Structure formats: C-alpha cells, structure tokens
C-alpha cells in the first residue's frame, strides 16, 4: 500500500466540498483526472473510501480514517513548507553566538536588544560554555557566529571585519606607570597583571607585548568581571590591559590613568566569524551592521 500527500489532499478536498466537481476546482485539476485519482486511491486501499450514492458525497468508514490522518499530517507539512520558505527568505533562522572576548559583552547586549526587535522570529542564544573551543563549534554548526580578534585560516569560515580597537593599559593614578607616556613590555616586570580568566593566546597584552618580548609580570591575577578589574586597579592592587572602548566610564575618573601600549600604538581588529554560506543571510547581514554601528558609538563615547 502506497499513499502520497496528494492522496491526503484529495480526501480532505472532497470531504470539504461534498463532491468531485468542486473538489477538482479546489485542487486545480479536471473532474476526470480527480475521478481517476480517487479510483487509483481506492485500488491502493483495497476498499471504497466514499459512499457513491450519497449527496453530498460522503466518506466511508475507511475514508473517515484516512481523513483523520490527513487532518493531522497536512497542517504539519504546510507548517514545514512555511518554515522552509521563511528560511529561504531569511526571515527566520538561528543565531547562536559565542565569544572569545570577555569585554565584548559590554556592546553585545545592546546589539542583541535591537536585533531581537527587528527579527523576532530568529532564535538567539549566547553559548558562553563554548568560548574556548569556539571555532570547532562553529565548524560543527553548534554555534553560528564567533566574536574574536584572532582570525585563523579555516575552510568554509569567513571572518567578517567589525572594527579596530587599541589594547590600552589602565592603572591607578598613583601607580608609577602613570608617569609614562606609553608602556612597554619591561614595565610589567614589577607589576601585578589582572586579566580575564582566558588563555594567554586570547589576551592582547600577552600576544602583542609580553610574549614576543619574553617578559613575565611579577604576578598574574584573574577576574571574571570588568567591574572587579577596575576595582582592583583603582586600589592599586594591579594593572590591566583592556580594549579602549571599555575605558569610556573611567576616562574622567581621577583615580585612574590610561596609557597606550607603545612605542607604536597597538591596533587590533575584531571579527565576527561565520560559516561562508550564512554570511549573506539577511538577518546575519543586519546583525553585522548593528555591531559596527554600536562599536562606533562606544568609540565616540
């Protein structure tokens, strides 16, 4: 026995219309073709599905059973077709994000708030637990976008440039480094360095300054939150190197000083890594535009 979706649609149309002529019009086919399809359907079932002599045309007990299946299955199929059409048009989809940048939460949440209003049918999530295996997770389609400042060469992955930033020292105003115009690697030998709890290969102060110079700070302390780092730095219990946009709330605070990493100011670029097939999706393109807009606001603050 072999049934197709068109058979279910036929049963449902004849039941709703009460006859072959109107059902044929609904299905956009001739009455003769519909009659032939009904005969083939009954041959497949091995029994009559309609009471022929009734007016309007009624389903037999077997036909009623098939109608119940049609009423359950067809809405599911139609819903699936609608979802696929929406996916093709870019109106629905998934945007699961992970970050290799602790400080990026400062501007990410305002971006997500604007995005969810513009794209209410997009499934948004932040997968913080994948932060240290972000690129393999992106390749396996466990996440859809990775915020990173460390692009790598991966087949099928695009690194969409977002904005440039400057890793910047923040220290207490009474710290000796406050007397310098810029800081170099050697200046950290007598300092406690406070960083986010991530690997050194994800920290600009190490990748851009300390590791190339083979310099170790006197102590290395970690803190999860930016606010905690600022509290410790303000108490002169250490110094930190953070993206320049993070400093906007303390630039006018006399307890702190900020200094560039030098003598040549260090410039880094933030990227949003996506699978190449996803980069042109309408909602993904809009999300990337929002990120760039928000970054400009932070840098002007």
C-alpha atoms as a PDB file:
ATOM      1  CA  UNK A   1       0.000   0.000   0.000  1.00  0.00           C
ATOM      2  CA  UNK A   2       1.458   3.361  -1.068  1.00  0.00           C
ATOM      3  CA  UNK A   3      -0.085   6.736  -0.226  1.00  0.00           C
ATOM      4  CA  UNK A   4       1.153  10.178  -1.240  1.00  0.00           C
ATOM      5  CA  UNK A   5       0.447  13.630   0.160  1.00  0.00           C
ATOM      6  CA  UNK A   6      -1.746  14.340  -2.872  1.00  0.00           C
ATOM      7  CA  UNK A   7      -3.986  11.443  -1.795  1.00  0.00           C
ATOM      8  CA  UNK A   8      -4.473  13.043   1.616  1.00  0.00           C
ATOM      9  CA  UNK A   9      -5.219  16.382  -0.014  1.00  0.00           C
ATOM     10  CA  UNK A  10      -7.764  14.681  -2.298  1.00  0.00           C
ATOM     11  CA  UNK A  11      -9.620  13.049   0.601  1.00  0.00           C
ATOM     12  CA  UNK A  12      -9.723  16.345   2.508  1.00  0.00           C
ATOM     13  CA  UNK A  13     -10.866  18.389  -0.512  1.00  0.00           C
ATOM     14  CA  UNK A  14     -13.723  16.022  -1.423  1.00  0.00           C
ATOM     15  CA  UNK A  15     -14.889  15.919   2.185  1.00  0.00           C
ATOM     16  CA  UNK A  16     -14.886  19.720   2.443  1.00  0.00           C
ATOM     17  CA  UNK A  17     -16.510  20.282  -0.973  1.00  0.00           C
ATOM     18  CA  UNK A  18     -19.027  17.397  -0.878  1.00  0.00           C
ATOM     19  CA  UNK A  19     -18.430  16.363  -4.488  1.00  0.00           C
ATOM     20  CA  UNK A  20     -15.876  15.819  -7.238  1.00  0.00           C
ATOM     21  CA  UNK A  21     -16.631  18.920  -9.325  1.00  0.00           C
ATOM     22  CA  UNK A  22     -15.978  21.492  -6.594  1.00  0.00           C
ATOM     23  CA  UNK A  23     -13.066  19.482  -5.197  1.00  0.00           C
ATOM     24  CA  UNK A  24     -11.458  19.399  -8.652  1.00  0.00           C
ATOM     25  CA  UNK A  25     -11.694  23.190  -8.823  1.00  0.00           C
ATOM     26  CA  UNK A  26     -10.119  23.490  -5.379  1.00  0.00           C
ATOM     27  CA  UNK A  27      -7.271  21.198  -6.411  1.00  0.00           C
ATOM     28  CA  UNK A  28      -6.868  22.958  -9.774  1.00  0.00           C
ATOM     29  CA  UNK A  29      -7.456  19.794 -11.830  1.00  0.00           C
ATOM     30  CA  UNK A  30     -10.179  18.361 -14.069  1.00  0.00           C
ATOM     31  CA  UNK A  31     -13.022  16.323 -12.627  1.00  0.00           C
ATOM     32  CA  UNK A  32     -11.992  13.415 -14.838  1.00  0.00           C
ATOM     33  CA  UNK A  33      -8.445  13.474 -13.504  1.00  0.00           C
ATOM     34  CA  UNK A  34      -9.728  13.658  -9.944  1.00  0.00           C
ATOM     35  CA  UNK A  35     -12.118  10.744 -10.514  1.00  0.00           C
ATOM     36  CA  UNK A  36      -9.218   8.718 -11.915  1.00  0.00           C
ATOM     37  CA  UNK A  37      -7.099   9.593  -8.880  1.00  0.00           C
ATOM     38  CA  UNK A  38      -9.884   8.521  -6.498  1.00  0.00           C
ATOM     39  CA  UNK A  39     -10.173   5.157  -8.276  1.00  0.00           C
ATOM     40  CA  UNK A  40      -6.434   4.648  -8.013  1.00  0.00           C
ATOM     41  CA  UNK A  41      -6.529   5.582  -4.346  1.00  0.00           C
ATOM     42  CA  UNK A  42      -9.261   3.061  -3.614  1.00  0.00           C
ATOM     43  CA  UNK A  43      -7.323   0.429  -5.531  1.00  0.00           C
ATOM     44  CA  UNK A  44      -4.373   1.168  -3.276  1.00  0.00           C
ATOM     45  CA  UNK A  45      -6.527   0.935  -0.153  1.00  0.00           C
ATOM     46  CA  UNK A  46      -8.330  -2.208  -1.356  1.00  0.00           C
ATOM     47  CA  UNK A  47     -11.724  -0.792  -0.312  1.00  0.00           C
ATOM     48  CA  UNK A  48     -14.146   2.015  -1.072  1.00  0.00           C
ATOM     49  CA  UNK A  49     -13.347   5.310   0.566  1.00  0.00           C
ATOM     50  CA  UNK A  50     -16.568   7.108  -0.465  1.00  0.00           C
ATOM     51  CA  UNK A  51     -20.290   6.356  -0.343  1.00  0.00           C
ATOM     52  CA  UNK A  52     -21.078   6.896  -4.020  1.00  0.00           C
ATOM     53  CA  UNK A  53     -24.855   7.283  -3.850  1.00  0.00           C
ATOM     54  CA  UNK A  54     -24.888   9.958  -1.148  1.00  0.00           C
ATOM     55  CA  UNK A  55     -25.420  13.637  -1.884  1.00  0.00           C
ATOM     56  CA  UNK A  56     -23.305  15.410  -0.869  1.00  0.00           C
ATOM     57  CA  UNK A  57     -20.567  12.836  -1.394  1.00  0.00           C
ATOM     58  CA  UNK A  58     -19.611  11.271   1.956  1.00  0.00           C
ATOM     59  CA  UNK A  59     -16.663   9.310   3.200  1.00  0.00           C
ATOM     60  CA  UNK A  60     -16.956   5.663   4.110  1.00  0.00           C
ATOM     61  CA  UNK A  61     -15.601   4.437   7.449  1.00  0.00           C
ATOM     62  CA  UNK A  62     -12.235   3.770   5.780  1.00  0.00           C
ATOM     63  CA  UNK A  63     -12.347   7.221   4.183  1.00  0.00           C
ATOM     64  CA  UNK A  64     -13.050   8.795   7.591  1.00  0.00           C
ATOM     65  CA  UNK A  65      -9.969   7.084   8.971  1.00  0.00           C
ATOM     66  CA  UNK A  66      -7.868   8.453   6.135  1.00  0.00           C
ATOM     67  CA  UNK A  67      -9.370  11.918   6.667  1.00  0.00           C
ATOM     68  CA  UNK A  68      -8.220  11.910  10.298  1.00  0.00           C
ATOM     69  CA  UNK A  69      -4.681  11.185   9.102  1.00  0.00           C
ATOM     70  CA  UNK A  70      -4.952  13.964   6.507  1.00  0.00           C
ATOM     71  CA  UNK A  71      -6.141  16.475   9.112  1.00  0.00           C
ATOM     72  CA  UNK A  72      -3.199  15.610  11.332  1.00  0.00           C
ATOM     73  CA  UNK A  73      -0.454  15.357   8.704  1.00  0.00           C
ATOM     74  CA  UNK A  74      -1.272  18.104   6.208  1.00  0.00           C
ATOM     75  CA  UNK A  75      -1.044  21.024   8.679  1.00  0.00           C
ATOM     76  CA  UNK A  76       2.362  19.710   9.765  1.00  0.00           C
ATOM     77  CA  UNK A  77       3.537  19.594   6.158  1.00  0.00           C
ATOM     78  CA  UNK A  78       2.144  23.052   5.424  1.00  0.00           C
ATOM     79  CA  UNK A  79       3.849  24.428   8.524  1.00  0.00           C
ATOM     80  CA  UNK A  80       7.144  22.867   7.431  1.00  0.00           C
ATOM     81  CA  UNK A  81       6.768  24.371   3.966  1.00  0.00           C
ATOM     82  CA  UNK A  82       6.122  27.786   5.546  1.00  0.00           C
ATOM     83  CA  UNK A  83       9.245  27.416   7.688  1.00  0.00           C
ATOM     84  CA  UNK A  84      11.363  26.498   4.672  1.00  0.00           C
ATOM     85  CA  UNK A  85      10.028  29.465   2.723  1.00  0.00           C
ATOM     86  CA  UNK A  86      10.809  31.739   5.656  1.00  0.00           C
ATOM     87  CA  UNK A  87      14.319  30.303   5.903  1.00  0.00           C
ATOM     88  CA  UNK A  88      14.860  30.851   2.194  1.00  0.00           C
ATOM     89  CA  UNK A  89      13.719  34.449   2.526  1.00  0.00           C
ATOM     90  CA  UNK A  90      15.908  34.977   5.606  1.00  0.00           C
ATOM     91  CA  UNK A  91      13.015  35.855   7.942  1.00  0.00           C
ATOM     92  CA  UNK A  92      13.626  33.008  10.372  1.00  0.00           C
ATOM     93  CA  UNK A  93      16.703  31.146  11.461  1.00  0.00           C
ATOM     94  CA  UNK A  94      19.130  30.677  14.312  1.00  0.00           C
ATOM     95  CA  UNK A  95      21.798  32.961  15.715  1.00  0.00           C
ATOM     96  CA  UNK A  96      23.750  31.222  18.452  1.00  0.00           C
ATOM     97  CA  UNK A  97      26.802  33.233  19.466  1.00  0.00           C
ATOM     98  CA  UNK A  98      29.949  32.534  21.409  1.00  0.00           C
ATOM     99  CA  UNK A  99      32.741  34.966  22.285  1.00  0.00           C
ATOM    100  CA  UNK A 100      36.497  34.807  22.573  1.00  0.00           C
ATOM    101  CA  UNK A 101      36.361  38.303  24.075  1.00  0.00           C
ATOM    102  CA  UNK A 102      35.171  38.860  27.650  1.00  0.00           C
ATOM    103  CA  UNK A 103      34.910  42.617  27.250  1.00  0.00           C
ATOM    104  CA  UNK A 104      32.644  42.266  24.199  1.00  0.00           C
ATOM    105  CA  UNK A 105      29.618  41.721  26.422  1.00  0.00           C
ATOM    106  CA  UNK A 106      29.682  45.496  27.004  1.00  0.00           C
ATOM    107  CA  UNK A 107      28.434  46.217  23.482  1.00  0.00           C
ATOM    108  CA  UNK A 108      26.921  42.847  22.539  1.00  0.00           C
ATOM    109  CA  UNK A 109      23.819  43.121  24.736  1.00  0.00           C
ATOM    110  CA  UNK A 110      22.686  46.477  23.287  1.00  0.00           C
ATOM    111  CA  UNK A 111      23.148  44.988  19.814  1.00  0.00           C
ATOM    112  CA  UNK A 112      21.086  41.919  20.688  1.00  0.00           C
ATOM    113  CA  UNK A 113      18.324  44.075  22.159  1.00  0.00           C
ATOM    114  CA  UNK A 114      17.959  46.000  18.895  1.00  0.00           C
ATOM    115  CA  UNK A 115      18.286  42.842  16.819  1.00  0.00           C
ATOM    116  CA  UNK A 116      15.532  40.919  18.580  1.00  0.00           C
ATOM    117  CA  UNK A 117      13.052  43.712  17.895  1.00  0.00           C
ATOM    118  CA  UNK A 118      13.944  43.736  14.198  1.00  0.00           C
ATOM    119  CA  UNK A 119      13.993  39.933  13.825  1.00  0.00           C
ATOM    120  CA  UNK A 120      11.541  38.463  16.370  1.00  0.00           C
ATOM    121  CA  UNK A 121      11.471  35.029  14.697  1.00  0.00           C
ATOM    122  CA  UNK A 122      15.223  34.440  14.926  1.00  0.00           C
ATOM    123  CA  UNK A 123      16.318  32.016  17.658  1.00  0.00           C
ATOM    124  CA  UNK A 124      19.003  33.952  19.598  1.00  0.00           C
ATOM    125  CA  UNK A 125      21.283  32.452  22.226  1.00  0.00           C
ATOM    126  CA  UNK A 126      24.723  33.039  23.747  1.00  0.00           C
ATOM    127  CA  UNK A 127      26.699  29.846  24.184  1.00  0.00           C
ATOM    128  CA  UNK A 128      29.276  31.034  26.700  1.00  0.00           C
ATOM    129  CA  UNK A 129      30.363  27.494  27.580  1.00  0.00           C
ATOM    130  CA  UNK A 130      31.883  27.021  24.142  1.00  0.00           C
ATOM    131  CA  UNK A 131      34.162  30.052  24.363  1.00  0.00           C
ATOM    132  CA  UNK A 132      37.390  28.065  24.438  1.00  0.00           C
ATOM    133  CA  UNK A 133      36.543  25.760  21.508  1.00  0.00           C
ATOM    134  CA  UNK A 134      34.662  28.326  19.505  1.00  0.00           C
ATOM    135  CA  UNK A 135      35.977  27.663  16.004  1.00  0.00           C
ATOM    136  CA  UNK A 136      35.443  23.880  16.059  1.00  0.00           C
ATOM    137  CA  UNK A 137      31.937  24.553  17.414  1.00  0.00           C
ATOM    138  CA  UNK A 138      31.279  26.948  14.526  1.00  0.00           C
ATOM    139  CA  UNK A 139      32.510  24.386  12.014  1.00  0.00           C
ATOM    140  CA  UNK A 140      30.271  21.699  13.570  1.00  0.00           C
ATOM    141  CA  UNK A 141      27.287  24.105  13.377  1.00  0.00           C
ATOM    142  CA  UNK A 142      26.871  24.121  17.157  1.00  0.00           C
ATOM    143  CA  UNK A 143      27.080  27.924  17.019  1.00  0.00           C
ATOM    144  CA  UNK A 144      26.538  30.358  14.150  1.00  0.00           C
ATOM    145  CA  UNK A 145      28.803  33.297  14.976  1.00  0.00           C
ATOM    146  CA  UNK A 146      32.018  33.756  16.949  1.00  0.00           C
ATOM    147  CA  UNK A 147      33.278  37.137  18.158  1.00  0.00           C
ATOM    148  CA  UNK A 148      37.079  37.019  18.022  1.00  0.00           C
ATOM    149  CA  UNK A 149      40.175  39.111  17.428  1.00  0.00           C
ATOM    150  CA  UNK A 150      42.215  36.111  16.310  1.00  0.00           C
ATOM    151  CA  UNK A 151      41.343  35.094  12.734  1.00  0.00           C
ATOM    152  CA  UNK A 152      42.609  31.723  11.542  1.00  0.00           C
ATOM    153  CA  UNK A 153      42.583  30.022   8.172  1.00  0.00           C
ATOM    154  CA  UNK A 154      39.631  27.610   8.178  1.00  0.00           C
ATOM    155  CA  UNK A 155      37.882  26.203   5.122  1.00  0.00           C
ATOM    156  CA  UNK A 156      34.263  27.319   4.919  1.00  0.00           C
ATOM    157  CA  UNK A 157      34.661  30.035   7.600  1.00  0.00           C
ATOM    158  CA  UNK A 158      34.561  33.767   6.889  1.00  0.00           C
ATOM    159  CA  UNK A 159      35.989  36.365   9.278  1.00  0.00           C
ATOM    160  CA  UNK A 160      33.844  39.460   8.811  1.00  0.00           C
ATOM    161  CA  UNK A 161      35.778  42.556   9.959  1.00  0.00           C
ATOM    162  CA  UNK A 162      33.868  44.622  12.506  1.00  0.00           C
ATOM    163  CA  UNK A 163      36.037  47.418  13.913  1.00  0.00           C
ATOM    164  CA  UNK A 164      39.540  48.270  15.050  1.00  0.00           C
ATOM    165  CA  UNK A 165      40.468  48.880  18.662  1.00  0.00           C
ATOM    166  CA  UNK A 166      43.525  49.629  20.777  1.00  0.00           C
ATOM    167  CA  UNK A 167      44.547  47.454  23.739  1.00  0.00           C
ATOM    168  CA  UNK A 168      45.176  50.034  26.475  1.00  0.00           C
ATOM    169  CA  UNK A 169      46.774  49.986  29.899  1.00  0.00           C
ATOM    170  CA  UNK A 170      44.664  51.065  32.858  1.00  0.00           C
ATOM    171  CA  UNK A 171      46.394  51.760  36.156  1.00  0.00           C
ATOM    172  CA  UNK A 172      45.773  53.628  39.370  1.00  0.00           C
ATOM    173  CA  UNK A 173      46.697  57.294  39.236  1.00  0.00           C
ATOM    174  CA  UNK A 174      49.294  56.714  41.987  1.00  0.00           C
ATOM    175  CA  UNK A 175      50.925  53.764  40.166  1.00  0.00           C
ATOM    176  CA  UNK A 176      54.448  54.547  38.845  1.00  0.00           C
ATOM    177  CA  UNK A 177      53.304  53.720  35.297  1.00  0.00           C
ATOM    178  CA  UNK A 178      51.058  56.795  35.425  1.00  0.00           C
ATOM    179  CA  UNK A 179      54.186  58.898  34.836  1.00  0.00           C
ATOM    180  CA  UNK A 180      54.862  57.322  31.450  1.00  0.00           C
ATOM    181  CA  UNK A 181      53.531  58.454  28.078  1.00  0.00           C
ATOM    182  CA  UNK A 182      53.206  54.815  26.994  1.00  0.00           C
ATOM    183  CA  UNK A 183      54.103  51.422  28.422  1.00  0.00           C
ATOM    184  CA  UNK A 184      56.431  48.764  27.064  1.00  0.00           C
ATOM    185  CA  UNK A 185      56.857  45.108  27.940  1.00  0.00           C
ATOM    186  CA  UNK A 186      59.606  45.787  30.507  1.00  0.00           C
ATOM    187  CA  UNK A 187      57.240  47.988  32.516  1.00  0.00           C
ATOM    188  CA  UNK A 188      55.240  44.930  33.551  1.00  0.00           C
ATOM    189  CA  UNK A 189      58.104  43.106  35.295  1.00  0.00           C
ATOM    190  CA  UNK A 190      57.314  44.830  38.606  1.00  0.00           C
ATOM    191  CA  UNK A 191      53.534  44.818  38.232  1.00  0.00           C
ATOM    192  CA  UNK A 192      50.659  42.526  39.109  1.00  0.00           C
ATOM    193  CA  UNK A 193      48.755  41.992  35.860  1.00  0.00           C
ATOM    194  CA  UNK A 194      44.998  41.482  36.152  1.00  0.00           C
ATOM    195  CA  UNK A 195      43.255  39.793  33.227  1.00  0.00           C
ATOM    196  CA  UNK A 196      40.095  37.939  32.363  1.00  0.00           C
ATOM    197  CA  UNK A 197      40.276  34.162  33.028  1.00  0.00           C
ATOM    198  CA  UNK A 198      41.211  33.097  29.497  1.00  0.00           C
ATOM    199  CA  UNK A 199      44.308  31.596  27.920  1.00  0.00           C
ATOM    200  CA  UNK A 200      47.288  33.794  27.151  1.00  0.00           C
ATOM    201  CA  UNK A 201      46.787  33.197  23.451  1.00  0.00           C
ATOM    202  CA  UNK A 202      43.497  35.143  23.796  1.00  0.00           C
ATOM    203  CA  UNK A 203      44.903  38.104  25.754  1.00  0.00           C
ATOM    204  CA  UNK A 204      46.252  41.054  23.774  1.00  0.00           C
ATOM    205  CA  UNK A 205      48.751  42.055  26.446  1.00  0.00           C
ATOM    206  CA  UNK A 206      50.492  38.712  26.035  1.00  0.00           C
ATOM    207  CA  UNK A 207      50.132  38.152  22.284  1.00  0.00           C
ATOM    208  CA  UNK A 208      51.050  41.727  21.308  1.00  0.00           C
ATOM    209  CA  UNK A 209      53.527  42.703  24.017  1.00  0.00           C
ATOM    210  CA  UNK A 210      54.763  40.327  26.702  1.00  0.00           C
ATOM    211  CA  UNK A 211      55.180  37.018  24.890  1.00  0.00           C
ATOM    212  CA  UNK A 212      57.171  38.446  21.933  1.00  0.00           C
ATOM    213  CA  UNK A 213      59.443  40.253  24.422  1.00  0.00           C
ATOM    214  CA  UNK A 214      59.674  37.169  26.691  1.00  0.00           C
ATOM    215  CA  UNK A 215      58.626  39.241  29.669  1.00  0.00           C
ATOM    216  CA  UNK A 216      56.648  37.922  32.638  1.00  0.00           C
ATOM    217  CA  UNK A 217      54.725  40.174  35.040  1.00  0.00           C
ATOM    218  CA  UNK A 218      55.621  39.896  38.701  1.00  0.00           C
ATOM    219  CA  UNK A 219      52.203  38.362  39.397  1.00  0.00           C
ATOM    220  CA  UNK A 220      49.268  37.378  37.214  1.00  0.00           C
ATOM    221  CA  UNK A 221      45.786  37.583  38.711  1.00  0.00           C
ATOM    222  CA  UNK A 222      42.456  36.814  37.037  1.00  0.00           C
ATOM    223  CA  UNK A 223      38.975  38.289  37.473  1.00  0.00           C
ATOM    224  CA  UNK A 224      35.733  37.439  35.679  1.00  0.00           C
ATOM    225  CA  UNK A 225      34.109  40.869  35.611  1.00  0.00           C
ATOM    226  CA  UNK A 226      35.292  44.174  34.178  1.00  0.00           C
ATOM    227  CA  UNK A 227      33.913  45.987  37.238  1.00  0.00           C
ATOM    228  CA  UNK A 228      36.054  43.821  39.523  1.00  0.00           C
ATOM    229  CA  UNK A 229      39.158  44.509  37.428  1.00  0.00           C
ATOM    230  CA  UNK A 230      38.540  48.256  37.713  1.00  0.00           C
ATOM    231  CA  UNK A 231      38.019  47.982  41.463  1.00  0.00           C
ATOM    232  CA  UNK A 232      41.331  46.167  41.920  1.00  0.00           C
ATOM    233  CA  UNK A 233      43.172  48.553  39.593  1.00  0.00           C
ATOM    234  CA  UNK A 234      41.690  51.609  41.329  1.00  0.00           C
ATOM    235  CA  UNK A 235      43.007  50.247  44.638  1.00  0.00           C
ATOM    236  CA  UNK A 236      46.457  49.909  43.014  1.00  0.00           C
ATOM    237  CA  UNK A 237      46.430  46.170  43.518  1.00  0.00           C
ATOM    238  CA  UNK A 238      47.463  45.646  39.919  1.00  0.00           C
ATOM    239  CA  UNK A 239      47.222  46.959  36.362  1.00  0.00           C
ATOM    240  CA  UNK A 240      45.291  45.678  33.379  1.00  0.00           C
ATOM    241  CA  UNK A 241      45.219  45.913  29.604  1.00  0.00           C
ATOM    242  CA  UNK A 242      41.743  46.146  28.107  1.00  0.00           C
ATOM    243  CA  UNK A 243      40.198  47.295  24.812  1.00  0.00           C
ATOM    244  CA  UNK A 244      39.945  51.070  24.613  1.00  0.00           C
ATOM    245  CA  UNK A 245      36.142  51.008  24.402  1.00  0.00           C
ATOM    246  CA  UNK A 246      35.978  49.535  27.916  1.00  0.00           C
ATOM    247  CA  UNK A 247      37.634  52.667  29.325  1.00  0.00           C
ATOM    248  CA  UNK A 248      34.802  55.067  28.471  1.00  0.00           C
ATOM    249  CA  UNK A 249      33.385  55.028  32.037  1.00  0.00           C
ATOM    250  CA  UNK A 250      36.698  55.781  33.779  1.00  0.00           C
ATOM    251  CA  UNK A 251      38.389  58.240  31.420  1.00  0.00           C
ATOM    252  CA  UNK A 252      37.296  61.204  33.524  1.00  0.00           C
ATOM    253  CA  UNK A 253      37.813  59.459  36.852  1.00  0.00           C
ATOM    254  CA  UNK A 254      40.865  60.929  38.634  1.00  0.00           C
ATOM    255  CA  UNK A 255      41.591  57.590  40.316  1.00  0.00           C
ATOM    256  CA  UNK A 256      42.679  56.045  37.002  1.00  0.00           C
ATOM    257  CA  UNK A 257      45.052  56.666  34.109  1.00  0.00           C
ATOM    258  CA  UNK A 258      45.074  55.017  30.705  1.00  0.00           C
ATOM    259  CA  UNK A 259      48.175  54.647  28.554  1.00  0.00           C
ATOM    260  CA  UNK A 260      48.770  53.155  25.085  1.00  0.00           C
ATOM    261  CA  UNK A 261      50.968  50.154  24.533  1.00  0.00           C
ATOM    262  CA  UNK A 262      53.978  51.510  22.690  1.00  0.00           C
ATOM    263  CA  UNK A 263      56.077  53.000  21.422  1.00  0.00           C
ATOM    264  CA  UNK A 264      53.944  52.263  18.349  1.00  0.00           C
ATOM    265  CA  UNK A 265      50.285  52.171  19.372  1.00  0.00           C
ATOM    266  CA  UNK A 266      48.961  48.613  19.088  1.00  0.00           C
ATOM    267  CA  UNK A 267      45.900  48.230  16.876  1.00  0.00           C
ATOM    268  CA  UNK A 268      43.790  45.087  16.749  1.00  0.00           C
ATOM    269  CA  UNK A 269      40.736  44.187  14.714  1.00  0.00           C
ATOM    270  CA  UNK A 270      37.588  42.489  15.949  1.00  0.00           C
ATOM    271  CA  UNK A 271      35.879  39.954  13.699  1.00  0.00           C
ATOM    272  CA  UNK A 272      32.635  38.042  13.556  1.00  0.00           C
ATOM    273  CA  UNK A 273      33.375  34.570  12.245  1.00  0.00           C
ATOM    274  CA  UNK A 274      30.538  32.864  10.369  1.00  0.00           C
ATOM    275  CA  UNK A 275      30.148  29.962   8.013  1.00  0.00           C
ATOM    276  CA  UNK A 276      30.505  31.286   4.467  1.00  0.00           C
ATOM    277  CA  UNK A 277      27.006  30.111   3.487  1.00  0.00           C
ATOM    278  CA  UNK A 278      25.470  32.072   6.386  1.00  0.00           C
ATOM    279  CA  UNK A 279      27.257  35.371   5.869  1.00  0.00           C
ATOM    280  CA  UNK A 280      24.790  36.658   3.255  1.00  0.00           C
ATOM    281  CA  UNK A 281      21.601  35.733   5.126  1.00  0.00           C
ATOM    282  CA  UNK A 282      19.545  38.930   5.557  1.00  0.00           C
ATOM    283  CA  UNK A 283      19.349  38.668   9.349  1.00  0.00           C
ATOM    284  CA  UNK A 284      23.060  37.867   9.643  1.00  0.00           C
ATOM    285  CA  UNK A 285      23.992  40.842   7.462  1.00  0.00           C
ATOM    286  CA  UNK A 286      21.780  43.086   9.618  1.00  0.00           C
ATOM    287  CA  UNK A 287      23.351  41.784  12.818  1.00  0.00           C
ATOM    288  CA  UNK A 288      26.835  42.564  11.497  1.00  0.00           C
ATOM    289  CA  UNK A 289      25.738  46.093  10.574  1.00  0.00           C
ATOM    290  CA  UNK A 290      24.357  46.608  14.086  1.00  0.00           C
ATOM    291  CA  UNK A 291      27.649  45.512  15.629  1.00  0.00           C
ATOM    292  CA  UNK A 292      29.609  48.033  13.559  1.00  0.00           C
ATOM    293  CA  UNK A 293      27.154  50.820  14.433  1.00  0.00           C
ATOM    294  CA  UNK A 294      27.321  50.097  18.161  1.00  0.00           C
ATOM    295  CA  UNK A 295      31.116  49.980  18.058  1.00  0.00           C
ATOM    296  CA  UNK A 296      31.249  53.470  16.561  1.00  0.00           C
ATOM    297  CA  UNK A 297      29.042  54.757  19.389  1.00  0.00           C
ATOM    298  CA  UNK A 298      31.361  53.230  22.006  1.00  0.00           C
ATOM    299  CA  UNK A 299      34.464  54.703  20.432  1.00  0.00           C
ATOM    300  CA  UNK A 300      32.878  58.177  20.368  1.00  0.00           C
ATOM    301  CA  UNK A 301      31.623  57.982  23.947  1.00  0.00           C
END
